[in-house]
């Protein structure tokens, strides 16, 4: 075989191999919707609370401004103690009809579910020359061992802040770093008895 015939055969094989590739449609799962829901303001954090099943518990929120806890904080999110009957707790955030409140949701499996709102504070965005409400939630990694009658932080809901040095508005880093910078934040959690 001459050189031109070998090159022609190789090119034909490459062309056939390229035509054999195809894209197939997959079955859509619930996990495929999560990025879209997050983009529209829906966030959910699930916690295994089986360690305190059968005990009395409360939902609590603590509010902080410029690193200091607000005077009437902590507050009960639900006005009484309840018996924890499920193994899973979900804290969630929903889109709000306005910028000045965050809509929150909790669901303790086989126990209770409810929603409430958090009052937000405006932040001046120097780069945009306007005031905005900009917050984001982050889950805490629960610590062990759990202590009775001690606040257990589960979700951190923090305001962005203006970084004058870099001339940007941000809310990034570890929770311990964000707490030092965020002018306003909430810590959502539980206590058991």
Protein backbone atom coordinates (compact mmCIF):
# COMPACT_ATOMS: atom_id res chain seq x y z
CA UNK A 1 0.00 0.00 0.00
CA UNK A 2 1.17 3.40 -0.75
CA UNK A 3 1.25 6.31 1.66
CA UNK A 4 -1.81 8.08 0.18
CA UNK A 5 -3.99 4.94 0.55
CA UNK A 6 -3.01 4.53 4.21
CA UNK A 7 -3.83 8.21 4.93
CA UNK A 8 -7.22 7.83 3.17
CA UNK A 9 -8.07 4.73 5.24
CA UNK A 10 -7.04 6.45 8.49
CA UNK A 11 -9.14 9.53 7.68
CA UNK A 12 -12.14 7.30 6.88
CA UNK A 13 -11.74 5.49 10.23
CA UNK A 14 -11.53 8.80 12.11
CA UNK A 15 -14.66 10.08 10.35
CA UNK A 16 -16.59 6.87 11.18
CA UNK A 17 -15.49 7.03 14.83
CA UNK A 18 -16.65 10.64 15.04
CA UNK A 19 -20.09 9.74 13.67
CA UNK A 20 -20.51 6.94 16.23
CA UNK A 21 -20.63 9.44 19.15
CA UNK A 22 -24.04 10.65 20.15
CA UNK A 23 -25.86 12.52 22.89
CA UNK A 24 -28.75 10.79 24.59
CA UNK A 25 -31.46 12.27 26.75
CA UNK A 26 -31.50 11.19 30.40
CA UNK A 27 -34.48 10.80 32.72
CA UNK A 28 -34.81 14.03 34.73
CA UNK A 29 -34.46 13.55 38.50
CA UNK A 30 -35.32 15.83 41.41
CA UNK A 31 -31.59 16.59 41.81
CA UNK A 32 -31.64 18.20 38.35
CA UNK A 33 -34.03 20.86 39.69
CA UNK A 34 -31.96 21.84 42.74
CA UNK A 35 -29.63 24.33 40.95
CA UNK A 36 -32.64 26.03 39.36
CA UNK A 37 -34.48 26.25 42.69
CA UNK A 38 -31.35 27.65 44.38
CA UNK A 39 -31.02 30.28 41.63
CA UNK A 40 -34.62 31.40 42.34
CA UNK A 41 -34.00 31.77 46.08
CA UNK A 42 -34.96 28.34 47.43
CA UNK A 43 -32.39 26.85 49.81
CA UNK A 44 -32.75 23.83 52.08
CA UNK A 45 -30.45 22.29 54.67
CA UNK A 46 -31.19 18.87 56.12
CA UNK A 47 -29.89 17.69 59.51
CA UNK A 48 -29.89 14.28 61.17
CA UNK A 49 -31.44 14.94 64.60
CA UNK A 50 -31.99 11.30 65.57
CA UNK A 51 -29.64 11.76 68.57
CA UNK A 52 -32.27 13.89 70.33
CA UNK A 53 -35.37 12.00 69.22
CA UNK A 54 -37.87 11.69 72.07
CA UNK A 55 -36.56 14.76 73.92
CA UNK A 56 -38.19 18.18 74.26
CA UNK A 57 -36.75 20.84 71.96
CA UNK A 58 -37.16 24.46 70.83
CA UNK A 59 -36.29 26.41 67.69
CA UNK A 60 -34.17 29.48 68.41
CA UNK A 61 -32.80 32.42 66.44
CA UNK A 62 -30.02 34.78 67.47
CA UNK A 63 -29.53 38.12 65.74
CA UNK A 64 -26.24 40.05 65.57
CA UNK A 65 -25.44 43.60 64.44
CA UNK A 66 -21.78 44.56 63.98
CA UNK A 67 -20.71 41.42 65.83
CA UNK A 68 -22.86 42.04 68.93
CA UNK A 69 -25.95 40.06 69.84
CA UNK A 70 -29.16 42.11 69.68
CA UNK A 71 -30.79 42.76 73.05
CA UNK A 72 -33.96 40.66 72.57
CA UNK A 73 -31.98 37.78 71.11
CA UNK A 74 -32.17 34.79 71.41
CA UNK A 75 -35.81 34.32 70.52
CA UNK A 76 -37.95 31.25 70.27
CA UNK A 77 -39.24 30.70 66.74
CA UNK A 78 -42.02 28.50 67.99
CA UNK A 79 -43.66 29.60 71.25
CA UNK A 80 -43.33 26.35 73.20
CA UNK A 81 -41.33 23.19 73.76
CA UNK A 82 -42.21 20.17 71.66
CA UNK A 83 -41.29 16.52 71.69
CA UNK A 84 -38.88 15.71 68.84
CA UNK A 85 -40.40 12.65 67.16
CA UNK A 86 -38.46 12.52 63.90
CA UNK A 87 -34.93 11.79 62.71
CA UNK A 88 -34.62 14.68 60.23
CA UNK A 89 -34.86 18.47 60.48
CA UNK A 90 -34.92 20.75 57.43
CA UNK A 91 -34.29 24.50 57.62
CA UNK A 92 -35.15 26.30 54.41
CA UNK A 93 -35.36 29.72 52.79
CA UNK A 94 -37.99 30.81 50.26
CA UNK A 95 -38.21 33.76 47.87
CA UNK A 96 -39.83 36.79 49.53
CA UNK A 97 -42.30 39.27 48.05
CA UNK A 98 -40.07 42.12 49.20
CA UNK A 99 -36.39 42.82 49.76
CA UNK A 100 -36.59 43.66 53.45
CA UNK A 101 -37.60 40.23 54.78
CA UNK A 102 -36.33 36.69 54.38
CA UNK A 103 -38.87 33.88 54.47
CA UNK A 104 -37.72 30.89 56.49
CA UNK A 105 -39.18 27.44 56.93
CA UNK A 106 -38.53 24.52 59.21
CA UNK A 107 -39.81 20.97 59.13
CA UNK A 108 -39.02 18.52 61.91
CA UNK A 109 -40.02 15.11 60.57
CA UNK A 110 -43.15 13.67 62.26
CA UNK A 111 -43.17 16.61 64.67
CA UNK A 112 -44.04 20.04 63.27
CA UNK A 113 -43.42 22.48 60.47
CA UNK A 114 -43.82 26.22 60.23
CA UNK A 115 -42.56 29.37 58.56
CA UNK A 116 -41.53 32.81 59.79
CA UNK A 117 -39.74 35.87 58.50
CA UNK A 118 -36.47 37.57 59.38
CA UNK A 119 -36.14 41.36 59.12
CA UNK A 120 -33.21 42.33 56.90
CA UNK A 121 -31.07 45.48 56.84
CA UNK A 122 -30.02 47.53 53.85
CA UNK A 123 -26.40 47.72 52.80
CA UNK A 124 -24.93 50.59 50.79
CA UNK A 125 -23.22 49.28 47.65
CA UNK A 126 -20.70 51.99 46.88
CA UNK A 127 -19.84 50.44 43.50
CA UNK A 128 -23.54 50.63 42.48
CA UNK A 129 -24.23 53.87 44.40
CA UNK A 130 -27.39 52.42 45.93
CA UNK A 131 -28.78 50.57 48.95
CA UNK A 132 -29.56 46.85 48.58
CA UNK A 133 -30.60 43.86 50.67
CA UNK A 134 -28.19 41.01 50.04
CA UNK A 135 -27.92 37.93 52.29
CA UNK A 136 -26.95 34.31 51.99
CA UNK A 137 -27.42 31.18 54.12
CA UNK A 138 -24.73 28.68 55.07
CA UNK A 139 -25.08 25.54 57.19
CA UNK A 140 -22.98 24.97 60.29
CA UNK A 141 -21.34 21.62 60.78
CA UNK A 142 -23.01 20.45 64.02
CA UNK A 143 -20.58 19.82 66.83
CA UNK A 144 -20.38 16.73 69.00
CA UNK A 145 -21.12 15.85 71.66
CA UNK A 146 -24.46 17.64 71.92
CA UNK A 147 -25.11 19.31 75.24
CA UNK A 148 -28.50 19.54 76.89
CA UNK A 149 -29.94 23.09 77.26
CA UNK A 150 -27.19 24.51 75.04
CA UNK A 151 -27.88 26.38 71.80
CA UNK A 152 -26.94 24.23 68.79
CA UNK A 153 -26.28 26.46 65.74
CA UNK A 154 -27.43 24.94 62.45
CA UNK A 155 -27.73 27.71 59.83
CA UNK A 156 -25.99 31.05 59.51
CA UNK A 157 -27.86 33.74 57.51
CA UNK A 158 -25.55 36.67 56.82
CA UNK A 159 -25.54 40.04 55.14
CA UNK A 160 -23.01 40.88 52.46
CA UNK A 161 -20.61 43.76 53.24
CA UNK A 162 -18.73 46.35 51.22
CA UNK A 163 -15.00 45.71 51.02
CA UNK A 164 -13.51 49.19 50.56
CA UNK A 165 -10.02 47.85 49.86
CA UNK A 166 -11.11 45.75 46.86
CA UNK A 167 -14.11 48.01 46.07
CA UNK A 168 -16.54 45.09 45.91
CA UNK A 169 -19.45 43.76 47.92
CA UNK A 170 -18.85 40.27 49.22
CA UNK A 171 -19.94 37.46 51.52
CA UNK A 172 -17.34 34.75 51.12
CA UNK A 173 -14.97 32.67 53.18
CA UNK A 174 -15.45 30.40 56.16
CA UNK A 175 -18.25 31.20 58.60
CA UNK A 176 -15.70 32.30 61.20
CA UNK A 177 -14.27 34.81 58.67
CA UNK A 178 -17.71 36.03 57.55
CA UNK A 179 -18.85 36.62 61.16
CA UNK A 180 -15.98 39.10 61.59
CA UNK A 181 -17.05 41.11 58.52
CA UNK A 182 -20.82 40.80 58.16
CA UNK A 183 -22.66 43.84 59.59
CA UNK A 184 -25.86 41.85 60.21
CA UNK A 185 -26.56 38.15 60.57
CA UNK A 186 -28.78 35.54 62.17
CA UNK A 187 -27.88 32.16 63.60
CA UNK A 188 -30.72 29.64 63.50
CA UNK A 189 -30.61 26.60 65.71
CA UNK A 190 -32.21 24.42 68.34
CA UNK A 191 -32.00 23.54 72.01
CA UNK A 192 -33.05 20.26 73.58
CA UNK A 193 -34.05 19.51 77.16
